[in-house]
Amino acid sequence: MFFARFDQARRTLRFRLMAWNAFVIALTASVTLLGLRAGVRLAIMNEIDGVLIEDVREIEFALDDAGATANAIRAAGDEGATGKIAALLAALERKDRGHEQHGWFVQLFDGEGILAWASEHAPSAVSELPRSEDMRPTTIGDYRVVQNRRPSNETAGLLVQVGSLSTFVARDMARIDRAVAIAVGIVLVAGPAIGYWLAGRAIDPLADIIHTTARLRPTKLDERLVEHHTGDELDQLARTINGFLNRIAAYLEKRRDFLANAAHELRTPLAAIRSTAEVSLGAERSVEEYQELLVEVIDECSLLESLVNQLLLLAETESDRLRIHGERVDLSGVAAKAVGMFQAVADNKDIAFTAQLEPELTVEGHAHHLRQVVNNLIDNALKFTPPGGKVHVRLRAEHGDAQFLVRDTGPGIPEQDLPQIFERFFRGDRSHSHDGERRGTGLGLSICQAVVQAHGGDIAVETQGGCGTTFVVRIPLAPALSPGDAAAFSDRSEVLASKLPRNA
C-alpha cells in the first residue's frame, strides 16, 4: 500500500517540482559551501605566507642592524655569549618557544649553505632551498617555508629561512568540513520538505482548475474558474479556460436554438402533409380532387427536401467537411447563367435587372455550391424589390479576388437586424415585400456565408433603411494556367455547361 501511494505521489507535478527544487537547492548549497571552504583555506594559507614573509623581512632588518655575520652568529649562539647578536638570537628563540603550537622556527645559513644557527624547534628535514625559491612560500612536508638570501656585501651573505607548521590549517579545515557537512545535511533534509510545501502553494490554483473543470457538465456550463489576477501563467490558464467555456456555452446555446428551429421548420411541412392525407381519406373524392391533394403533398415534400438538403449542407460546413477539392470554376459563366435564368422573373415583376460581368474570372472551389450562393443572392434581391425597382449584378476582379456584387432598391434591412442576418433561421420583418410568396426557411444567407468562407472568401452586406441592400462576396482568384492547361479547362467547361440542366 505504501509503495503504491508513493508511486502515485511521485507521478504528480507537486512531487516533481519538489524534487527539482530540492536538487537545485542541494546543488547550489553544496557548490556554495565547497567554494566557501576552498576560499577559507586559500585565505588562511595566504595569511600564513604573508606572516612568514614579514618575519623574514623583520629578521633581515635586525641582522643588518646588528651587523651579523655567519661566524659572529655561530659565536653568539654559544652559551653565555653577550652582545647585540646574542640578544637577537635570544629574542628569536623566545618567539620560537612562544609559537610552539604553530611550529614556528627560524634558520640562518652562511653563503656556502652551511647552517649557522637554528631555533630550538627547527626541523632537521628542512634545509636550504634552491635560489629560485627565494621569497616564495613553499610547502616541505608539514611545514610552510619562506627563505631569502642576503646580498654578499651585507651581513656576509646570510640566508634567512622562516617556517611554520601547516598541520593546524588541516585541523581548522576539518572543523570547517564538519560544519559544511552539517549544513549540507540540514539542506538535504529541509530542502525537500520546504520544496514540497512551496510546490503545493504554487499548484493550488491548478488543483482548483482541475476540481472545477471536473464538475462541469454539458448541460451546466455557467461555472467559471477563479482568476486571482496575479498575471502569472496559472492565471492566464484560468482566463483561457474561461474564455473557452464561454465559447462552448455560446456554441451549445446556438445548437439548442438550431435544433429547436429545425424541428419547428420540419414540423410545418410534415403537419401539412399529414393534414392533406387525412383530408383525402376523410371522404370519397373525384380523381381531380385527389390529384390536387397529391400536388399539395408533393409541394410540401419539395419544401421538406429543400430544408433537409440545406440542413445537411450546413452540417457539412460546420464540421469542416465541405469538400472544395481545388476544382477550377468559371465564376463568370456561373454568374452569366444565373442572370439569364432570373431575367424572366425580373421581367415578370417589372424589375429593371442589369448585369455587368467581367469575363474569364476563375476561382478554385465547388461549382454547385458557388451556384447556390449566386442564385440565392439574386433570388433574394428580386424577392424583396418591389415592382418598378432595380437590381444590379456585377462581377469583377479586384486586388486578387473575384468580387460579386448584388444591389437592389428594396426596403433595405433594419439596422437592428444586420448583426443577425447570417444566423440560421433568422428572417427579418420584410414580409410585406414578398407579394404573397411563401417566406423562406431563413437558412439561405447562412449557407451563403458558410460556402463563401469554405472557399477562403468573405461576404458582407451594406444597407440603409428604405434605400436598398448591397451584398458583396469576395473569393480569391485561382492562379493562372499555362496555355495548354487553359485550353483544356475551356473545353471541359463547355462540355460541363452543355450537360447542366436549365434550372441548375
Protein backbone atom coordinates (compact mmCIF):
# COMPACT_ATOMS: atom_id res chain seq x y z
CA MET A 1 0.00 0.00 0.00
CA PHE A 2 2.79 2.42 0.93
CA PHE A 3 4.69 1.77 -2.30
CA ALA A 4 1.52 2.17 -4.36
CA ARG A 5 0.83 5.56 -2.75
CA PHE A 6 4.44 6.61 -3.19
CA ASP A 7 4.37 5.59 -6.85
CA GLN A 8 1.19 7.61 -7.32
CA ALA A 9 2.64 10.60 -5.47
CA ARG A 10 5.89 10.66 -7.41
CA ARG A 11 3.94 10.98 -10.65
CA THR A 12 2.36 14.25 -9.53
CA LEU A 13 3.52 17.67 -10.61
CA ARG A 14 3.94 18.67 -6.98
CA PHE A 15 6.42 15.84 -6.36
CA ARG A 16 8.41 16.67 -9.50
CA LEU A 17 8.56 20.34 -8.54
CA MET A 18 9.69 19.35 -5.04
CA ALA A 19 12.37 17.03 -6.44
CA TRP A 20 13.71 19.64 -8.83
CA ASN A 21 13.60 22.31 -6.11
CA ALA A 22 15.46 20.07 -3.64
CA PHE A 23 18.02 19.12 -6.27
CA VAL A 24 18.68 22.74 -7.20
CA ILE A 25 18.90 23.82 -3.54
CA ALA A 26 21.22 20.95 -2.64
CA LEU A 27 23.42 21.54 -5.66
CA THR A 28 23.56 25.29 -5.02
CA ALA A 29 24.28 24.83 -1.33
CA SER A 30 26.95 22.20 -1.99
CA VAL A 31 28.72 24.29 -4.60
CA THR A 32 28.48 27.39 -2.41
CA LEU A 33 29.78 25.68 0.73
CA LEU A 34 32.55 23.87 -1.12
CA GLY A 35 33.55 27.12 -2.75
CA LEU A 36 33.48 28.81 0.65
CA ARG A 37 35.68 26.03 2.08
CA ALA A 38 38.21 26.44 -0.71
CA GLY A 39 38.15 30.20 -0.24
CA VAL A 40 38.70 29.96 3.51
CA ARG A 41 41.62 27.56 3.07
CA LEU A 42 43.19 29.84 0.48
CA ALA A 43 42.69 32.84 2.76
CA ILE A 44 44.36 31.05 5.69
CA MET A 45 47.34 29.96 3.58
CA ASN A 46 47.72 33.48 2.19
CA GLU A 47 47.66 34.83 5.73
CA ILE A 48 50.36 32.37 6.85
CA ASP A 49 52.51 33.18 3.82
CA GLY A 50 52.14 36.89 4.48
CA VAL A 51 53.21 36.49 8.12
CA LEU A 52 56.24 34.34 7.19
CA ILE A 53 57.39 36.86 4.56
CA GLU A 54 57.05 39.67 7.09
CA ASP A 55 59.06 37.63 9.62
CA VAL A 56 61.85 37.12 7.06
CA ARG A 57 61.99 40.86 6.36
CA GLU A 58 61.94 41.74 10.07
CA ILE A 59 64.80 39.29 10.88
CA GLU A 60 66.84 40.61 7.95
CA PHE A 61 66.49 44.17 9.21
CA ALA A 62 67.50 43.09 12.72
CA LEU A 63 70.56 41.22 11.37
CA ASP A 64 71.56 44.29 9.36
CA ASP A 65 71.25 46.50 12.43
CA ALA A 66 73.40 44.12 14.45
CA GLY A 67 75.98 43.76 11.62
CA ALA A 68 75.78 39.99 11.95
CA THR A 69 77.99 37.57 10.01
CA ALA A 70 77.88 33.79 9.92
CA ASN A 71 80.87 33.43 12.26
CA ALA A 72 79.52 36.08 14.64
CA ILE A 73 76.20 34.27 14.73
CA ARG A 74 77.92 30.97 15.48
CA ALA A 75 79.86 32.63 18.31
CA ALA A 76 76.78 34.39 19.67
CA GLY A 77 74.96 31.10 19.74
CA ASP A 78 77.32 29.69 22.33
CA GLU A 79 76.09 29.59 25.88
CA GLY A 80 76.92 32.70 27.86
CA ALA A 81 77.55 34.92 24.81
CA THR A 82 76.55 38.58 25.01
CA GLY A 83 76.07 41.47 22.64
CA LYS A 84 73.50 42.57 20.05
CA ILE A 85 73.68 39.39 18.03
CA ALA A 86 73.28 37.21 21.12
CA ALA A 87 70.28 39.30 22.21
CA LEU A 88 68.76 38.95 18.74
CA LEU A 89 69.20 35.18 18.77
CA ALA A 90 67.66 35.03 22.24
CA ALA A 91 64.64 37.02 21.04
CA LEU A 92 64.21 34.63 18.10
CA GLU A 93 64.44 31.69 20.47
CA ARG A 94 61.76 33.17 22.71
CA LYS A 95 59.49 33.64 19.69
CA ASP A 96 60.12 30.03 18.67
CA ARG A 97 59.04 28.82 22.11
CA GLY A 98 56.10 31.23 22.20
CA HIS A 99 54.77 29.86 18.87
CA GLU A 100 55.44 26.22 19.64
CA GLN A 101 51.82 25.31 18.90
CA HIS A 102 52.22 26.57 15.34
CA GLY A 103 55.70 25.04 14.98
CA TRP A 104 57.31 28.37 14.14
CA PHE A 105 61.09 28.27 13.57
CA VAL A 106 63.97 30.19 12.01
CA GLN A 107 67.27 29.01 10.47
CA LEU A 108 70.31 31.04 9.38
CA PHE A 109 72.71 29.73 6.71
CA ASP A 110 76.05 31.17 5.58
CA GLY A 111 76.96 31.92 1.99
CA GLU A 112 78.07 28.31 1.46
CA GLY A 113 74.70 26.96 2.54
CA ILE A 114 76.02 25.69 5.87
CA LEU A 115 73.73 26.08 8.84
CA ALA A 116 74.99 28.82 11.13
CA TRP A 117 72.18 28.84 13.69
CA ALA A 118 68.69 27.36 14.15
CA SER A 119 65.96 27.89 16.71
CA GLU A 120 65.03 25.12 19.12
CA HIS A 121 62.09 23.69 17.15
CA ALA A 122 63.64 23.95 13.70
CA PRO A 123 63.15 20.61 11.89
CA SER A 124 66.25 18.87 10.58
CA ALA A 125 64.36 17.87 7.43
CA VAL A 126 64.13 21.47 6.23
CA SER A 127 67.41 22.63 4.68
CA GLU A 128 68.39 25.36 2.25
CA LEU A 129 66.11 25.62 -0.76
CA PRO A 130 67.17 26.40 -4.34
CA ARG A 131 67.81 30.06 -5.12
CA SER A 132 64.66 30.14 -7.32
CA GLU A 133 62.56 29.67 -4.19
CA ASP A 134 63.71 32.92 -2.50
CA MET A 135 60.76 34.89 -1.06
CA ARG A 136 58.41 32.29 -2.49
CA PRO A 137 56.32 30.33 0.06
CA THR A 138 56.97 26.59 -0.32
CA THR A 139 55.49 23.51 1.35
CA ILE A 140 58.01 20.91 2.66
CA GLY A 141 56.34 18.02 4.42
CA ASP A 142 54.16 19.51 7.15
CA TYR A 143 55.88 22.89 7.01
CA ARG A 144 55.30 26.09 5.11
CA VAL A 145 58.69 27.74 4.49
CA VAL A 146 59.92 31.14 3.21
CA GLN A 147 63.59 31.99 2.69
CA ASN A 148 65.69 34.83 1.28
CA ARG A 149 69.39 35.26 0.56
CA ARG A 150 71.01 38.49 1.60
CA PRO A 151 73.46 40.09 -0.85
CA SER A 152 77.11 39.12 -0.18
CA ASN A 153 78.12 42.70 0.65
CA GLU A 154 75.62 42.82 3.53
CA THR A 155 75.86 40.59 6.59
CA ALA A 156 78.35 38.40 4.75
CA GLY A 157 75.76 36.73 2.51
CA LEU A 158 73.49 35.21 5.13
CA LEU A 159 70.37 33.19 4.16
CA VAL A 160 67.33 33.65 6.40
CA GLN A 161 64.74 30.87 6.47
CA VAL A 162 61.48 31.06 8.44
CA GLY A 163 58.82 28.36 8.59
CA SER A 164 55.72 27.18 10.37
CA LEU A 165 53.67 24.01 10.64
CA SER A 166 50.75 23.78 8.19
CA THR A 167 49.02 20.94 10.06
CA PHE A 168 46.92 23.37 12.10
CA VAL A 169 45.38 24.50 8.79
CA ALA A 170 44.22 20.93 8.22
CA ARG A 171 42.73 20.90 11.72
CA ASP A 172 40.89 24.14 11.03
CA MET A 173 39.72 22.85 7.66
CA ALA A 174 38.48 19.64 9.31
CA ARG A 175 36.32 21.73 11.61
CA ILE A 176 35.07 23.67 8.60
CA ASP A 177 34.37 20.38 6.79
CA ARG A 178 32.27 19.19 9.70
CA ALA A 179 30.32 22.44 9.65
CA VAL A 180 29.86 22.16 5.87
CA ALA A 181 28.67 18.55 6.18
CA ILE A 182 26.16 19.52 8.87
CA ALA A 183 24.91 22.43 6.76
CA VAL A 184 24.56 20.25 3.65
CA GLY A 185 22.73 17.61 5.68
CA ILE A 186 20.29 20.20 7.02
CA VAL A 187 19.71 21.47 3.48
CA LEU A 188 19.13 17.94 2.18
CA VAL A 189 16.58 17.27 4.92
CA ALA A 190 14.83 20.64 4.97
CA GLY A 191 15.04 21.30 1.23
CA PRO A 192 12.56 18.60 0.09
CA ALA A 193 10.12 19.44 2.90
CA ILE A 194 10.19 23.14 2.15
CA GLY A 195 10.11 22.44 -1.60
CA TYR A 196 7.07 20.17 -1.20
CA TRP A 197 5.27 22.88 0.77
CA LEU A 198 6.18 25.60 -1.73
CA ALA A 199 5.19 23.37 -4.66
CA GLY A 200 1.83 22.80 -3.01
CA ARG A 201 1.32 26.54 -2.63
CA ALA A 202 2.31 27.09 -6.27
CA ILE A 203 -0.04 24.49 -7.75
CA ASP A 204 -3.06 25.19 -5.53
CA PRO A 205 -4.66 27.25 -8.36
CA LEU A 206 -4.04 24.32 -10.71
CA ALA A 207 -5.83 21.99 -8.29
CA ASP A 208 -8.76 24.43 -8.25
CA ILE A 209 -8.80 24.36 -12.05
CA ILE A 210 -8.88 20.55 -12.06
CA HIS A 211 -11.68 20.34 -9.46
CA THR A 212 -13.80 23.00 -11.17
CA THR A 213 -13.46 21.54 -14.65
CA ALA A 214 -14.27 18.08 -13.26
CA ARG A 215 -17.64 19.42 -12.06
CA LEU A 216 -18.59 20.92 -15.43
CA ARG A 217 -21.33 19.23 -17.44
CA PRO A 218 -22.56 19.96 -21.00
CA THR A 219 -25.97 20.90 -19.61
CA LYS A 220 -24.50 23.28 -17.00
CA LEU A 221 -21.61 25.43 -18.10
CA ASP A 222 -22.29 28.52 -16.00
CA GLU A 223 -19.48 27.85 -13.51
CA ARG A 224 -16.13 29.53 -14.19
CA LEU A 225 -12.63 29.26 -12.79
CA VAL A 226 -11.48 31.77 -10.19
CA GLU A 227 -8.97 34.30 -11.54
CA HIS A 228 -6.56 35.63 -8.90
CA HIS A 229 -5.36 38.50 -11.13
CA THR A 230 -1.72 37.70 -10.38
CA GLY A 231 -0.76 37.82 -14.03
CA ASP A 232 1.14 34.53 -13.82
CA GLU A 233 0.81 31.52 -16.13
CA LEU A 234 -1.84 29.81 -13.98
CA ASP A 235 -3.96 32.95 -14.02
CA GLN A 236 -3.57 33.12 -17.79
CA LEU A 237 -4.57 29.43 -17.99
CA ALA A 238 -7.72 30.11 -15.93
CA ARG A 239 -8.57 33.07 -18.15
CA THR A 240 -8.03 30.99 -21.30
CA ILE A 241 -10.20 28.12 -20.00
CA ASN A 242 -12.94 30.57 -19.01
CA GLY A 243 -12.89 32.02 -22.50
CA PHE A 244 -13.07 28.52 -23.94
CA LEU A 245 -16.01 27.68 -21.68
CA ASN A 246 -17.77 30.87 -22.81
CA ARG A 247 -17.35 29.84 -26.43
CA ILE A 248 -18.57 26.31 -25.71
CA ALA A 249 -21.61 27.64 -23.84
CA ALA A 250 -22.42 30.01 -26.69
CA TYR A 251 -21.96 27.20 -29.22
CA LEU A 252 -24.22 24.82 -27.29
CA GLU A 253 -26.83 27.55 -26.93
CA LYS A 254 -26.77 28.08 -30.68
CA ARG A 255 -27.00 24.33 -31.22
CA ARG A 256 -30.07 24.14 -28.99
CA ASP A 257 -31.66 27.03 -30.84
CA PHE A 258 -30.73 25.44 -34.15
CA LEU A 259 -32.30 22.11 -33.20
CA ALA A 260 -35.43 23.80 -31.91
CA ASN A 261 -35.78 25.91 -35.06
CA ALA A 262 -35.04 22.94 -37.32
CA ALA A 263 -37.66 20.85 -35.55
CA HIS A 264 -40.17 23.69 -35.92
CA GLU A 265 -39.42 24.13 -39.62
CA LEU A 266 -39.63 20.38 -40.26
CA ARG A 267 -42.87 20.09 -38.32
CA THR A 268 -44.69 22.60 -40.51
CA PRO A 269 -44.44 20.70 -43.84
CA LEU A 270 -44.93 17.38 -42.06
CA ALA A 271 -48.11 18.69 -40.45
CA ALA A 272 -49.30 19.96 -43.83
CA ILE A 273 -48.63 16.56 -45.45
CA ARG A 274 -50.43 14.77 -42.61
CA SER A 275 -53.45 17.07 -42.73
CA THR A 276 -53.67 16.76 -46.54
CA ALA A 277 -53.55 12.96 -46.28
CA GLU A 278 -56.24 13.00 -43.58
CA VAL A 279 -58.43 15.25 -45.70
CA SER A 280 -58.00 12.96 -48.71
CA LEU A 281 -59.05 9.96 -46.64
CA GLY A 282 -61.96 11.74 -44.97
CA ALA A 283 -64.41 11.25 -47.82
CA GLU A 284 -64.84 9.93 -51.34
CA ARG A 285 -63.38 12.38 -53.86
CA SER A 286 -63.04 12.68 -57.57
CA VAL A 287 -59.83 11.96 -59.44
CA GLU A 288 -59.24 15.67 -59.95
CA GLU A 289 -59.60 16.35 -56.23
CA TYR A 290 -57.16 13.56 -55.38
CA GLN A 291 -54.71 14.97 -57.92
CA GLU A 292 -54.94 18.42 -56.33
CA LEU A 293 -54.31 16.95 -52.89
CA LEU A 294 -51.34 14.98 -54.21
CA VAL A 295 -49.93 18.13 -55.80
CA GLU A 296 -50.10 19.81 -52.37
CA VAL A 297 -48.33 16.82 -50.81
CA ILE A 298 -45.61 16.98 -53.49
CA ASP A 299 -45.16 20.73 -52.89
CA GLU A 300 -44.75 20.17 -49.16
CA CYS A 301 -42.34 17.28 -49.81
CA SER A 302 -40.31 19.54 -52.10
CA LEU A 303 -40.13 22.15 -49.37
CA LEU A 304 -39.19 19.45 -46.87
CA GLU A 305 -36.49 18.07 -49.19
CA SER A 306 -35.07 21.55 -49.74
CA LEU A 307 -34.96 22.19 -46.00
CA VAL A 308 -33.26 18.85 -45.31
CA ASN A 309 -30.66 19.49 -48.02
CA GLN A 310 -29.94 22.91 -46.55
CA LEU A 311 -29.55 21.44 -43.08
CA LEU A 312 -27.15 18.78 -44.40
CA LEU A 313 -25.08 21.42 -46.18
CA LEU A 314 -24.88 23.48 -43.00
CA ALA A 315 -23.83 20.39 -41.07
CA GLU A 316 -21.03 19.79 -43.59
CA THR A 317 -19.75 23.35 -43.31
CA GLU A 318 -19.98 23.31 -39.52
CA SER A 319 -17.87 20.15 -39.22
CA ASP A 320 -15.36 21.34 -41.85
CA ARG A 321 -16.42 18.52 -44.17
CA LEU A 322 -17.39 20.74 -47.10
CA ARG A 323 -15.26 19.38 -49.93
CA ILE A 324 -13.72 22.03 -52.15
CA HIS A 325 -11.21 19.76 -53.97
CA GLY A 326 -9.47 22.72 -55.63
CA GLU A 327 -11.68 22.40 -58.77
CA ARG A 328 -11.37 25.37 -61.13
CA VAL A 329 -14.75 27.05 -61.54
CA ASP A 330 -15.59 29.63 -64.20
CA LEU A 331 -17.36 32.09 -61.91
CA SER A 332 -18.13 34.38 -64.84
CA GLY A 333 -20.02 31.53 -66.54
CA VAL A 334 -21.88 30.67 -63.32
CA ALA A 335 -22.96 34.30 -62.86
CA ALA A 336 -23.99 34.64 -66.55
CA LYS A 337 -26.22 31.54 -66.34
CA ALA A 338 -27.83 32.83 -63.13
CA VAL A 339 -28.55 36.21 -64.73
CA GLY A 340 -30.12 34.51 -67.71
CA MET A 341 -32.21 32.24 -65.51
CA PHE A 342 -33.61 35.08 -63.37
CA GLN A 343 -34.21 37.51 -66.24
CA ALA A 344 -37.70 36.14 -66.80
CA VAL A 345 -38.52 36.51 -63.09
CA ALA A 346 -37.39 40.14 -63.18
CA ASP A 347 -39.43 40.86 -66.32
CA ASN A 348 -42.50 39.26 -64.77
CA LYS A 349 -42.20 41.53 -61.69
CA ASP A 350 -41.42 44.63 -63.78
CA ILE A 351 -37.95 44.99 -62.22
CA ALA A 352 -35.06 46.54 -64.15
CA PHE A 353 -32.48 43.73 -63.99
CA THR A 354 -28.97 44.68 -65.19
CA ALA A 355 -25.63 42.88 -65.06
CA GLN A 356 -22.01 43.86 -65.57
CA LEU A 357 -19.88 40.69 -65.66
CA GLU A 358 -16.15 40.62 -66.30
CA PRO A 359 -15.35 37.51 -68.38
CA GLU A 360 -12.99 34.62 -67.58
CA LEU A 361 -12.82 35.03 -63.83
CA THR A 362 -11.85 31.66 -62.38
CA VAL A 363 -11.80 30.54 -58.75
CA GLU A 364 -10.98 27.26 -57.05
CA GLY A 365 -13.90 25.58 -55.36
CA HIS A 366 -17.14 23.67 -55.81
CA ALA A 367 -19.23 24.76 -58.79
CA HIS A 368 -22.57 23.56 -57.37
CA HIS A 369 -22.14 25.38 -54.06
CA LEU A 370 -21.00 28.57 -55.78
CA ARG A 371 -24.11 28.45 -57.98
CA GLN A 372 -26.17 28.23 -54.78
CA VAL A 373 -24.55 31.41 -53.48
CA VAL A 374 -25.07 33.35 -56.71
CA ASN A 375 -28.65 32.14 -57.20
CA ASN A 376 -29.60 32.76 -53.58
CA LEU A 377 -28.36 36.37 -53.56
CA ILE A 378 -30.06 37.21 -56.86
CA ASP A 379 -33.26 35.48 -55.80
CA ASN A 380 -33.38 37.43 -52.51
CA ALA A 381 -32.78 40.72 -54.34
CA LEU A 382 -35.64 40.08 -56.76
CA LYS A 383 -37.88 38.80 -53.98
CA PHE A 384 -37.55 41.92 -51.84
CA THR A 385 -37.53 44.50 -54.62
CA PRO A 386 -40.97 45.95 -55.40
CA PRO A 387 -42.26 46.36 -58.98
CA GLY A 388 -40.57 49.21 -60.78
CA GLY A 389 -37.41 48.77 -58.73
CA LYS A 390 -33.90 47.90 -59.87
CA VAL A 391 -31.50 45.01 -59.29
CA HIS A 392 -27.91 45.25 -60.45
CA VAL A 393 -25.36 42.42 -60.55
CA ARG A 394 -21.63 43.00 -61.01
CA LEU A 395 -18.65 40.65 -61.18
CA ARG A 396 -15.10 41.93 -61.45
CA ALA A 397 -11.53 41.24 -60.37
CA GLU A 398 -10.26 43.38 -57.51
CA HIS A 399 -6.97 43.01 -55.60
CA GLY A 400 -6.56 39.32 -56.44
CA ASP A 401 -10.21 38.47 -55.60
CA ALA A 402 -13.31 37.87 -57.62
CA GLN A 403 -15.85 40.41 -56.33
CA PHE A 404 -19.51 39.50 -56.86
CA LEU A 405 -21.97 42.29 -56.01
CA VAL A 406 -25.78 42.26 -55.92
CA ARG A 407 -27.53 45.60 -55.31
CA ASP A 408 -31.30 46.14 -55.08
CA THR A 409 -33.65 49.05 -54.39
CA GLY A 410 -35.83 47.19 -51.95
CA PRO A 411 -36.85 48.34 -48.45
CA GLY A 412 -33.43 47.55 -47.01
CA ILE A 413 -32.64 45.76 -43.76
CA PRO A 414 -33.37 47.37 -40.39
CA GLU A 415 -30.18 48.30 -38.58
CA GLN A 416 -31.05 46.16 -35.59
CA ASP A 417 -31.30 43.08 -37.86
CA LEU A 418 -27.88 43.47 -39.50
CA PRO A 419 -25.90 41.51 -36.84
CA GLN A 420 -28.32 38.58 -37.22
CA ILE A 421 -28.94 38.24 -40.94
CA PHE A 422 -26.37 35.43 -41.32
CA GLU A 423 -27.75 33.48 -38.35
CA ARG A 424 -29.66 30.31 -39.08
CA PHE A 425 -33.44 30.55 -39.32
CA PHE A 426 -33.34 34.33 -38.93
CA ARG A 427 -35.94 36.08 -41.06
CA GLY A 428 -36.27 39.84 -40.96
CA ASP A 429 -39.57 41.66 -40.88
CA ARG A 430 -39.79 42.34 -44.62
CA SER A 431 -42.76 40.12 -45.40
CA HIS A 432 -44.63 42.99 -47.00
CA SER A 433 -42.18 42.82 -49.90
CA HIS A 434 -42.91 39.20 -50.75
CA ASP A 435 -46.12 39.88 -52.59
CA GLY A 436 -47.80 36.85 -51.09
CA GLU A 437 -44.91 34.46 -51.64
CA ARG A 438 -44.10 31.86 -49.02
CA ARG A 439 -41.39 33.03 -46.70
CA GLY A 440 -38.07 31.24 -46.85
CA THR A 441 -36.52 28.97 -44.25
CA GLY A 442 -34.05 31.57 -43.01
CA LEU A 443 -31.09 29.39 -43.99
CA GLY A 444 -30.15 30.95 -47.33
CA LEU A 445 -27.75 33.61 -46.11
CA SER A 446 -26.27 31.23 -43.52
CA ILE A 447 -25.48 28.80 -46.31
CA CYS A 448 -24.04 31.59 -48.45
CA GLN A 449 -21.72 32.67 -45.67
CA ALA A 450 -20.65 29.10 -44.88
CA VAL A 451 -19.91 28.30 -48.54
CA VAL A 452 -18.01 31.55 -49.14
CA GLN A 453 -15.89 31.08 -46.02
CA ALA A 454 -15.17 27.48 -47.01
CA HIS A 455 -13.78 28.89 -50.28
CA GLY A 456 -11.46 31.23 -48.36
CA GLY A 457 -13.57 34.32 -49.01
CA ASP A 458 -15.96 36.58 -47.15
CA ILE A 459 -19.41 38.07 -47.58
CA ALA A 460 -20.59 41.48 -46.40
CA VAL A 461 -23.81 43.49 -46.50
CA GLU A 462 -24.47 47.22 -46.75
CA THR A 463 -27.91 48.69 -46.34
CA GLN A 464 -29.82 51.85 -45.49
CA GLY A 465 -33.43 51.70 -44.46
CA GLY A 466 -35.64 52.35 -47.48
CA CYS A 467 -32.66 52.72 -49.81
CA GLY A 468 -31.96 49.14 -50.80
CA THR A 469 -29.40 46.48 -49.90
CA THR A 470 -25.99 45.51 -51.32
CA PHE A 471 -24.35 42.12 -50.81
CA VAL A 472 -20.65 41.80 -51.70
CA VAL A 473 -18.88 38.44 -51.99
CA ARG A 474 -15.11 38.16 -52.35
CA ILE A 475 -13.40 34.88 -53.28
CA PRO A 476 -9.68 34.53 -54.12
CA LEU A 477 -8.99 34.13 -57.82
CA ALA A 478 -7.37 30.89 -58.99
CA PRO A 479 -3.74 31.10 -60.19
CA ALA A 480 -3.25 31.50 -63.91
CA LEU A 481 -2.86 28.33 -66.04
CA SER A 482 -0.35 27.59 -68.75
CA PRO A 483 -1.69 27.97 -72.33
CA GLY A 484 -2.17 24.21 -72.73
CA ASP A 485 -3.95 23.80 -69.40
CA ALA A 486 -6.10 26.86 -70.15
CA ALA A 487 -7.29 25.35 -73.43
CA ALA A 488 -8.13 22.04 -71.75
CA PHE A 489 -10.02 23.84 -68.98
CA SER A 490 -12.01 25.86 -71.55
CA ASP A 491 -13.03 22.70 -73.43
CA ARG A 492 -14.02 20.93 -70.21
CA SER A 493 -16.09 23.96 -69.10
CA GLU A 494 -18.01 23.95 -72.37
CA VAL A 495 -18.79 20.22 -72.05
CA LEU A 496 -19.97 20.62 -68.45
CA ALA A 497 -22.08 23.65 -69.36
CA SER A 498 -23.83 21.69 -72.09
CA LYS A 499 -24.82 19.00 -69.56
CA LEU A 500 -26.19 21.37 -66.91
CA PRO A 501 -29.99 21.45 -66.53
CA ARG A 502 -31.70 24.71 -67.32
CA ASN A 503 -32.65 25.44 -63.70
CA ALA A 504 -29.27 24.47 -62.20
